[in-house]
C-alpha atoms as a PDB file:
ATOM      1  CA  MET A   1     115.309  92.562  81.829  1.00  0.00           C
ATOM      2  CA  LYS A   2     115.815  96.176  80.952  1.00  0.00           C
ATOM      3  CA  SER A   3     117.668  97.409  77.881  1.00  0.00           C
ATOM      4  CA  HIS A   4     120.552  99.844  78.450  1.00  0.00           C
ATOM      5  CA  GLU A   5     122.414 101.968  75.904  1.00  0.00           C
ATOM      6  CA  LEU A   6     126.032 102.437  77.019  1.00  0.00           C
ATOM      7  CA  THR A   7     128.423 105.082  75.734  1.00  0.00           C
ATOM      8  CA  ILE A   8     132.005 103.841  75.726  1.00  0.00           C
ATOM      9  CA  GLU A   9     135.081 106.053  75.436  1.00  0.00           C
ATOM     10  CA  GLY A  10     138.258 105.102  73.596  1.00  0.00           C
ATOM     11  CA  MET A  11     136.875 102.736  70.967  1.00  0.00           C
ATOM     12  CA  SER A  12     138.053 103.377  67.413  1.00  0.00           C
ATOM     13  CA  CYS A  13     137.912 100.153  65.385  1.00  0.00           C
ATOM     14  CA  HIS A  14     136.427  96.696  64.917  1.00  0.00           C
ATOM     15  CA  HIS A  15     139.109  95.255  67.198  1.00  0.00           C
ATOM     16  CA  CYS A  16     137.769  97.479  70.001  1.00  0.00           C
ATOM     17  CA  VAL A  17     134.250  96.234  69.347  1.00  0.00           C
ATOM     18  CA  MET A  18     135.360  92.622  69.651  1.00  0.00           C
ATOM     19  CA  HIS A  19     137.191  93.255  72.945  1.00  0.00           C
ATOM     20  CA  VAL A  20     134.190  94.987  74.519  1.00  0.00           C
ATOM     21  CA  LYS A  21     131.778  92.319  73.287  1.00  0.00           C
ATOM     22  CA  LYS A  22     133.999  89.545  74.654  1.00  0.00           C
ATOM     23  CA  GLU A  23     134.283  91.108  78.133  1.00  0.00           C
ATOM     24  CA  LEU A  24     130.592  91.986  78.372  1.00  0.00           C
ATOM     25  CA  SER A  25     129.698  88.434  77.347  1.00  0.00           C
ATOM     26  CA  LYS A  26     131.550  87.152  80.422  1.00  0.00           C
ATOM     27  CA  VAL A  27     129.156  88.945  82.795  1.00  0.00           C
ATOM     28  CA  ALA A  28     126.626  86.433  84.128  1.00  0.00           C
ATOM     29  CA  GLY A  29     123.076  87.733  83.807  1.00  0.00           C
ATOM     30  CA  LEU A  30     123.898  90.236  81.053  1.00  0.00           C
ATOM     31  CA  VAL A  31     122.790  89.840  77.429  1.00  0.00           C
ATOM     32  CA  VAL A  32     124.758  91.703  74.746  1.00  0.00           C
ATOM     33  CA  GLU A  33     122.362  92.953  72.066  1.00  0.00           C
ATOM     34  CA  ASP A  34     124.817  94.983  69.975  1.00  0.00           C
ATOM     35  CA  VAL A  35     128.253  96.576  70.198  1.00  0.00           C
ATOM     36  CA  GLN A  36     129.442  99.304  67.849  1.00  0.00           C
ATOM     37  CA  ILE A  37     132.290 101.779  67.983  1.00  0.00           C
ATOM     38  CA  GLY A  38     131.589 104.007  70.969  1.00  0.00           C
ATOM     39  CA  LYS A  39     128.455 102.272  72.202  1.00  0.00           C
ATOM     40  CA  ALA A  40     126.816  99.063  73.276  1.00  0.00           C
ATOM     41  CA  ARG A  41     123.250  97.952  73.866  1.00  0.00           C
ATOM     42  CA  VAL A  42     122.825  95.372  76.598  1.00  0.00           C
ATOM     43  CA  GLN A  43     120.055  93.878  78.705  1.00  0.00           C
ATOM     44  CA  TYR A  44     120.361  93.032  82.362  1.00  0.00           C
ATOM     45  CA  GLU A  45     118.325  92.915  85.525  1.00  0.00           C
ATOM     46  CA  GLU A  46     119.653  95.630  87.852  1.00  0.00           C
ATOM     47  CA  THR A  47     118.852  93.488  90.895  1.00  0.00           C
ATOM     48  CA  ILE A  48     121.248  90.825  89.593  1.00  0.00           C
ATOM     49  CA  VAL A  49     123.955  92.749  87.688  1.00  0.00           C
ATOM     50  CA  SER A  50     125.284  96.041  89.047  1.00  0.00           C
ATOM     51  CA  SER A  51     126.205  98.967  86.851  1.00  0.00           C
ATOM     52  CA  GLN A  52     129.633  98.829  88.520  1.00  0.00           C
ATOM     53  CA  ARG A  53     130.104  95.269  87.201  1.00  0.00           C
ATOM     54  CA  VAL A  54     129.217  96.429  83.687  1.00  0.00           C
ATOM     55  CA  ALA A  55     131.699  99.315  83.983  1.00  0.00           C
ATOM     56  CA  GLN A  56     134.352  96.871  85.237  1.00  0.00           C
ATOM     57  CA  ALA A  57     133.852  94.617  82.196  1.00  0.00           C
ATOM     58  CA  ILE A  58     134.340  97.591  79.891  1.00  0.00           C
ATOM     59  CA  ASP A  59     137.416  98.603  81.887  1.00  0.00           C
ATOM     60  CA  ASP A  60     138.746  95.030  81.599  1.00  0.00           C
ATOM     61  CA  ALA A  61     138.448  95.384  77.815  1.00  0.00           C
ATOM     62  CA  GLY A  62     140.638  98.487  78.003  1.00  0.00           C
ATOM     63  CA  TYR A  63     137.988 101.179  77.577  1.00  0.00           C
ATOM     64  CA  LYS A  64     135.943 103.485  79.789  1.00  0.00           C
ATOM     65  CA  LEU A  65     132.221 103.749  80.360  1.00  0.00           C
ATOM     66  CA  SER A  66     131.212 107.354  79.756  1.00  0.00           C
ATOM     67  CA  ALA A  67     130.194 109.326  82.867  1.00  0.00           C
ATOM     68  CA  ASN A  68     126.750 110.036  81.382  1.00  0.00           C
ATOM     69  CA  ASN A  69     125.650 106.386  81.713  1.00  0.00           C
END
């Protein structure tokens, strides 16, 4: 597994952190290391989990993965 640092737009509070963590935790094959306001550190095997699926989970939480990811 490879560690990825994600920049997330639109997060401003602890409530945001919980939403992102919850949605990322639903992605099979992805391990959530840490979520803070504006960023998350996750581990996943790119052959199993696509970056589009990660972006979709963040979108499902109501936020947007930054274009520089």
